[in-house]
Amino acid sequence: MKWSGFLIGALAGAATAAYMAKKRPGMFAWASSAAGNTMTGFSKRAMGAMLSRKFGSDASHDVSPKHSSVSAKESGNAWGQIEMLLNSDPSVKDQVEDIKSEAKTH
């Protein structure tokens, strides 16, 4: 792709966004929210894929974010999973211990 085509497309997109924000603010707010949710979904899937490659295929099922209505048992299972991940990498465990010791001094 040529830079000129990229710049023209970027300018056209910015002009369209400015026009939509001025003429139909509700629609612009909805579109920007939808785009943000889409990007969040992409980033969560990418993070899950990265962790599944690092820790094995079973980790990808436990990486999904928990909703606020989780039970105490599910929360305990999540903390157990975090502890297992920390114990699997000694350098990360050392960093966590450093952070915990610094937090106690503040």
N, C-alpha and C. Protein backbone atom coordinates (compact mmCIF):
# COMPACT_ATOMS: atom_id res chain seq x y z
N MET A 1 0.84 -1.17 0.00
CA MET A 1 0.00 0.00 0.00
C MET A 1 0.89 1.23 0.00
N LYS A 2 0.53 2.18 -0.80
CA LYS A 2 1.29 3.44 -0.85
C LYS A 2 0.88 4.33 0.31
N TRP A 3 1.83 5.16 0.73
CA TRP A 3 1.55 6.09 1.82
C TRP A 3 0.45 7.08 1.46
N SER A 4 0.40 7.47 0.22
CA SER A 4 -0.61 8.45 -0.18
C SER A 4 -2.01 7.86 -0.02
N GLY A 5 -2.18 6.60 -0.40
CA GLY A 5 -3.48 5.95 -0.22
C GLY A 5 -3.85 5.80 1.24
N PHE A 6 -2.85 5.48 2.06
CA PHE A 6 -3.09 5.36 3.49
C PHE A 6 -3.51 6.70 4.09
N LEU A 7 -2.79 7.77 3.72
CA LEU A 7 -3.11 9.09 4.26
C LEU A 7 -4.47 9.60 3.80
N ILE A 8 -4.80 9.36 2.54
CA ILE A 8 -6.12 9.77 2.03
C ILE A 8 -7.22 9.02 2.77
N GLY A 9 -7.03 7.73 2.97
CA GLY A 9 -8.01 6.94 3.71
C GLY A 9 -8.16 7.40 5.14
N ALA A 10 -7.03 7.72 5.79
CA ALA A 10 -7.07 8.21 7.17
C ALA A 10 -7.80 9.54 7.25
N LEU A 11 -7.52 10.43 6.31
CA LEU A 11 -8.21 11.73 6.30
C LEU A 11 -9.70 11.57 6.04
N ALA A 12 -10.05 10.69 5.11
CA ALA A 12 -11.47 10.46 4.82
C ALA A 12 -12.17 9.88 6.05
N GLY A 13 -11.52 8.96 6.73
CA GLY A 13 -12.10 8.37 7.95
C GLY A 13 -12.27 9.40 9.05
N ALA A 14 -11.26 10.25 9.23
CA ALA A 14 -11.35 11.29 10.26
C ALA A 14 -12.46 12.29 9.92
N ALA A 15 -12.59 12.65 8.65
CA ALA A 15 -13.64 13.58 8.25
C ALA A 15 -15.02 12.97 8.46
N THR A 16 -15.16 11.70 8.12
CA THR A 16 -16.44 11.01 8.34
C THR A 16 -16.77 10.94 9.82
N ALA A 17 -15.77 10.61 10.64
CA ALA A 17 -16.00 10.53 12.09
C ALA A 17 -16.41 11.89 12.65
N ALA A 18 -15.75 12.96 12.21
CA ALA A 18 -16.11 14.29 12.69
C ALA A 18 -17.53 14.67 12.26
N TYR A 19 -17.89 14.35 11.02
CA TYR A 19 -19.23 14.64 10.52
C TYR A 19 -20.29 13.88 11.33
N MET A 20 -20.04 12.58 11.57
CA MET A 20 -21.00 11.76 12.32
C MET A 20 -21.11 12.24 13.76
N ALA A 21 -19.99 12.65 14.36
CA ALA A 21 -20.04 13.13 15.74
C ALA A 21 -20.85 14.41 15.84
N LYS A 22 -20.81 15.23 14.80
CA LYS A 22 -21.55 16.50 14.83
C LYS A 22 -23.03 16.30 14.51
N LYS A 23 -23.33 15.50 13.48
CA LYS A 23 -24.71 15.34 13.02
C LYS A 23 -25.51 14.34 13.85
N ARG A 24 -24.88 13.24 14.21
CA ARG A 24 -25.57 12.18 14.96
C ARG A 24 -24.69 11.71 16.11
N PRO A 25 -24.66 12.44 17.21
CA PRO A 25 -23.76 12.06 18.31
C PRO A 25 -24.11 10.72 18.94
N GLY A 26 -25.38 10.37 18.98
CA GLY A 26 -25.76 9.08 19.56
C GLY A 26 -25.24 7.91 18.74
N MET A 27 -25.34 8.03 17.43
CA MET A 27 -24.85 6.97 16.56
C MET A 27 -23.32 6.88 16.64
N PHE A 28 -22.66 8.03 16.73
CA PHE A 28 -21.20 8.03 16.84
C PHE A 28 -20.77 7.39 18.15
N ALA A 29 -21.46 7.70 19.22
CA ALA A 29 -21.13 7.10 20.52
C ALA A 29 -21.34 5.59 20.47
N TRP A 30 -22.43 5.15 19.86
CA TRP A 30 -22.68 3.71 19.74
C TRP A 30 -21.58 3.05 18.92
N ALA A 31 -21.20 3.64 17.79
CA ALA A 31 -20.19 3.06 16.91
C ALA A 31 -18.83 2.99 17.61
N SER A 32 -18.47 4.05 18.33
CA SER A 32 -17.19 4.03 19.01
C SER A 32 -17.19 3.01 20.15
N SER A 33 -18.31 2.86 20.83
CA SER A 33 -18.42 1.84 21.87
C SER A 33 -18.32 0.44 21.28
N ALA A 34 -18.98 0.21 20.16
CA ALA A 34 -18.92 -1.10 19.51
C ALA A 34 -17.50 -1.41 19.04
N ALA A 35 -16.82 -0.41 18.51
CA ALA A 35 -15.43 -0.61 18.07
C ALA A 35 -14.54 -0.92 19.27
N GLY A 36 -14.75 -0.24 20.38
CA GLY A 36 -13.98 -0.50 21.60
C GLY A 36 -14.21 -1.91 22.12
N ASN A 37 -15.47 -2.34 22.12
CA ASN A 37 -15.77 -3.70 22.57
C ASN A 37 -15.15 -4.74 21.67
N THR A 38 -15.13 -4.48 20.38
CA THR A 38 -14.51 -5.40 19.43
C THR A 38 -13.02 -5.51 19.69
N MET A 39 -12.36 -4.37 19.89
CA MET A 39 -10.93 -4.38 20.15
C MET A 39 -10.61 -5.07 21.47
N THR A 40 -11.46 -4.89 22.48
CA THR A 40 -11.26 -5.57 23.75
C THR A 40 -11.36 -7.07 23.56
N GLY A 41 -12.34 -7.51 22.78
CA GLY A 41 -12.48 -8.94 22.49
C GLY A 41 -11.27 -9.50 21.77
N PHE A 42 -10.75 -8.74 20.80
CA PHE A 42 -9.54 -9.19 20.10
C PHE A 42 -8.38 -9.33 21.05
N SER A 43 -8.21 -8.33 21.93
CA SER A 43 -7.06 -8.37 22.84
C SER A 43 -7.19 -9.52 23.83
N LYS A 44 -8.40 -9.81 24.30
CA LYS A 44 -8.58 -10.93 25.23
C LYS A 44 -8.30 -12.26 24.54
N ARG A 45 -8.74 -12.40 23.29
CA ARG A 45 -8.45 -13.63 22.56
C ARG A 45 -6.96 -13.78 22.29
N ALA A 46 -6.30 -12.68 21.98
CA ALA A 46 -4.85 -12.72 21.75
C ALA A 46 -4.11 -13.10 23.03
N MET A 47 -4.54 -12.54 24.15
CA MET A 47 -3.91 -12.88 25.43
C MET A 47 -4.12 -14.35 25.75
N GLY A 48 -5.31 -14.86 25.51
CA GLY A 48 -5.59 -16.27 25.75
C GLY A 48 -4.74 -17.16 24.86
N ALA A 49 -4.57 -16.78 23.61
CA ALA A 49 -3.74 -17.57 22.70
C ALA A 49 -2.29 -17.57 23.15
N MET A 50 -1.81 -16.41 23.60
CA MET A 50 -0.43 -16.30 24.05
C MET A 50 -0.21 -17.17 25.29
N LEU A 51 -1.14 -17.12 26.24
CA LEU A 51 -0.99 -17.92 27.44
C LEU A 51 -1.12 -19.41 27.16
N SER A 52 -1.98 -19.77 26.21
CA SER A 52 -2.12 -21.18 25.90
C SER A 52 -0.85 -21.73 25.26
N ARG A 53 -0.14 -20.90 24.48
CA ARG A 53 1.14 -21.34 23.92
C ARG A 53 2.20 -21.44 25.00
N LYS A 54 2.18 -20.53 25.97
CA LYS A 54 3.20 -20.49 27.02
C LYS A 54 3.00 -21.60 28.05
N PHE A 55 1.76 -21.82 28.48
CA PHE A 55 1.50 -22.74 29.58
C PHE A 55 0.79 -24.02 29.16
N GLY A 56 0.51 -24.20 27.91
CA GLY A 56 -0.17 -25.40 27.45
C GLY A 56 -1.60 -25.11 27.08
N SER A 57 -2.23 -26.04 26.42
CA SER A 57 -3.58 -25.81 25.88
C SER A 57 -4.64 -25.73 26.97
N ASP A 58 -4.41 -26.30 28.16
CA ASP A 58 -5.42 -26.27 29.21
C ASP A 58 -5.59 -24.88 29.81
N ALA A 59 -4.56 -24.05 29.77
CA ALA A 59 -4.62 -22.72 30.40
C ALA A 59 -5.59 -21.80 29.67
N SER A 60 -5.83 -22.02 28.39
CA SER A 60 -6.68 -21.10 27.64
C SER A 60 -8.12 -21.13 28.13
N HIS A 61 -8.56 -22.23 28.73
CA HIS A 61 -9.93 -22.30 29.21
C HIS A 61 -10.11 -21.54 30.51
N ASP A 62 -9.05 -21.42 31.32
CA ASP A 62 -9.15 -20.77 32.61
C ASP A 62 -8.78 -19.29 32.56
N VAL A 63 -8.39 -18.77 31.41
CA VAL A 63 -7.94 -17.39 31.29
C VAL A 63 -9.09 -16.43 31.10
N SER A 64 -10.25 -16.89 30.70
CA SER A 64 -11.36 -16.00 30.42
C SER A 64 -11.73 -15.21 31.66
N PRO A 65 -12.12 -13.95 31.48
CA PRO A 65 -12.42 -13.11 32.62
C PRO A 65 -13.67 -13.60 33.36
N LYS A 66 -13.65 -13.44 34.66
CA LYS A 66 -14.77 -13.85 35.49
C LYS A 66 -15.73 -12.68 35.66
N HIS A 67 -17.00 -12.97 35.68
CA HIS A 67 -18.01 -11.93 35.89
C HIS A 67 -18.11 -11.65 37.38
N SER A 68 -18.73 -10.55 37.72
CA SER A 68 -18.81 -10.15 39.12
C SER A 68 -19.71 -11.07 39.95
N SER A 69 -20.47 -11.95 39.31
CA SER A 69 -21.38 -12.81 40.05
C SER A 69 -20.77 -14.19 40.33
N VAL A 70 -19.44 -14.28 40.41
CA VAL A 70 -18.81 -15.56 40.67
C VAL A 70 -19.00 -15.96 42.12
N SER A 71 -19.05 -17.25 42.35
CA SER A 71 -19.21 -17.75 43.70
C SER A 71 -17.86 -17.78 44.41
N ALA A 72 -17.89 -18.02 45.71
CA ALA A 72 -16.66 -18.08 46.49
C ALA A 72 -15.80 -19.26 46.03
N LYS A 73 -16.44 -20.35 45.66
CA LYS A 73 -15.69 -21.53 45.20
C LYS A 73 -14.97 -21.22 43.89
N GLU A 74 -15.66 -20.57 42.96
CA GLU A 74 -15.03 -20.21 41.69
C GLU A 74 -13.90 -19.22 41.90
N SER A 75 -14.07 -18.28 42.82
CA SER A 75 -13.03 -17.33 43.12
C SER A 75 -11.81 -18.03 43.72
N GLY A 76 -12.05 -18.99 44.59
CA GLY A 76 -10.96 -19.77 45.16
C GLY A 76 -10.22 -20.56 44.09
N ASN A 77 -10.97 -21.11 43.14
CA ASN A 77 -10.34 -21.84 42.04
C ASN A 77 -9.47 -20.91 41.19
N ALA A 78 -9.93 -19.68 40.99
CA ALA A 78 -9.16 -18.71 40.21
C ALA A 78 -7.86 -18.37 40.93
N TRP A 79 -7.93 -18.17 42.25
CA TRP A 79 -6.71 -17.87 43.00
C TRP A 79 -5.77 -19.07 42.99
N GLY A 80 -6.32 -20.26 43.02
CA GLY A 80 -5.48 -21.46 42.91
C GLY A 80 -4.76 -21.52 41.58
N GLN A 81 -5.45 -21.15 40.53
CA GLN A 81 -4.86 -21.13 39.20
C GLN A 81 -3.74 -20.09 39.14
N ILE A 82 -3.96 -18.92 39.74
CA ILE A 82 -2.92 -17.88 39.77
C ILE A 82 -1.70 -18.38 40.53
N GLU A 83 -1.94 -19.02 41.65
CA GLU A 83 -0.81 -19.55 42.44
C GLU A 83 -0.04 -20.60 41.65
N MET A 84 -0.75 -21.46 40.91
CA MET A 84 -0.09 -22.47 40.10
C MET A 84 0.78 -21.82 39.02
N LEU A 85 0.27 -20.76 38.38
CA LEU A 85 1.05 -20.05 37.37
C LEU A 85 2.28 -19.40 37.98
N LEU A 86 2.14 -18.82 39.17
CA LEU A 86 3.28 -18.19 39.83
C LEU A 86 4.34 -19.22 40.20
N ASN A 87 3.90 -20.37 40.68
CA ASN A 87 4.85 -21.41 41.07
C ASN A 87 5.54 -22.05 39.88
N SER A 88 4.96 -21.93 38.69
CA SER A 88 5.57 -22.54 37.51
C SER A 88 6.76 -21.75 37.00
N ASP A 89 6.90 -20.48 37.39
CA ASP A 89 8.00 -19.65 36.91
C ASP A 89 8.67 -18.98 38.11
N PRO A 90 9.88 -19.43 38.49
CA PRO A 90 10.54 -18.89 39.70
C PRO A 90 10.83 -17.39 39.61
N SER A 91 11.15 -16.87 38.44
CA SER A 91 11.45 -15.43 38.34
C SER A 91 10.20 -14.59 38.62
N VAL A 92 9.06 -15.06 38.15
CA VAL A 92 7.80 -14.34 38.42
C VAL A 92 7.48 -14.41 39.91
N LYS A 93 7.72 -15.56 40.50
CA LYS A 93 7.46 -15.72 41.94
C LYS A 93 8.33 -14.77 42.75
N ASP A 94 9.60 -14.61 42.36
CA ASP A 94 10.49 -13.68 43.05
C ASP A 94 9.98 -12.24 42.92
N GLN A 95 9.51 -11.88 41.73
CA GLN A 95 8.98 -10.53 41.54
C GLN A 95 7.74 -10.29 42.39
N VAL A 96 6.89 -11.29 42.49
CA VAL A 96 5.68 -11.16 43.32
C VAL A 96 6.07 -10.98 44.79
N GLU A 97 7.06 -11.73 45.24
CA GLU A 97 7.51 -11.59 46.63
C GLU A 97 8.08 -10.19 46.87
N ASP A 98 8.82 -9.65 45.90
CA ASP A 98 9.35 -8.29 46.02
C ASP A 98 8.21 -7.27 46.12
N ILE A 99 7.21 -7.43 45.28
CA ILE A 99 6.07 -6.51 45.30
C ILE A 99 5.32 -6.60 46.62
N LYS A 100 5.13 -7.82 47.11
CA LYS A 100 4.44 -8.00 48.40
C LYS A 100 5.22 -7.35 49.53
N SER A 101 6.55 -7.49 49.53
CA SER A 101 7.35 -6.89 50.60
C SER A 101 7.32 -5.36 50.52
N GLU A 102 7.32 -4.81 49.30
CA GLU A 102 7.24 -3.35 49.14
C GLU A 102 5.87 -2.84 49.58
N ALA A 103 4.83 -3.61 49.32
CA ALA A 103 3.47 -3.19 49.70
C ALA A 103 3.32 -3.15 51.21
N LYS A 104 4.00 -4.03 51.93
CA LYS A 104 3.90 -4.04 53.39
C LYS A 104 4.58 -2.84 54.01
N THR A 105 5.60 -2.30 53.33
CA THR A 105 6.32 -1.15 53.91
C THR A 105 5.58 0.17 53.69
N HIS A 106 4.60 0.21 52.80
CA HIS A 106 3.90 1.48 52.52
C HIS A 106 2.73 1.65 53.39
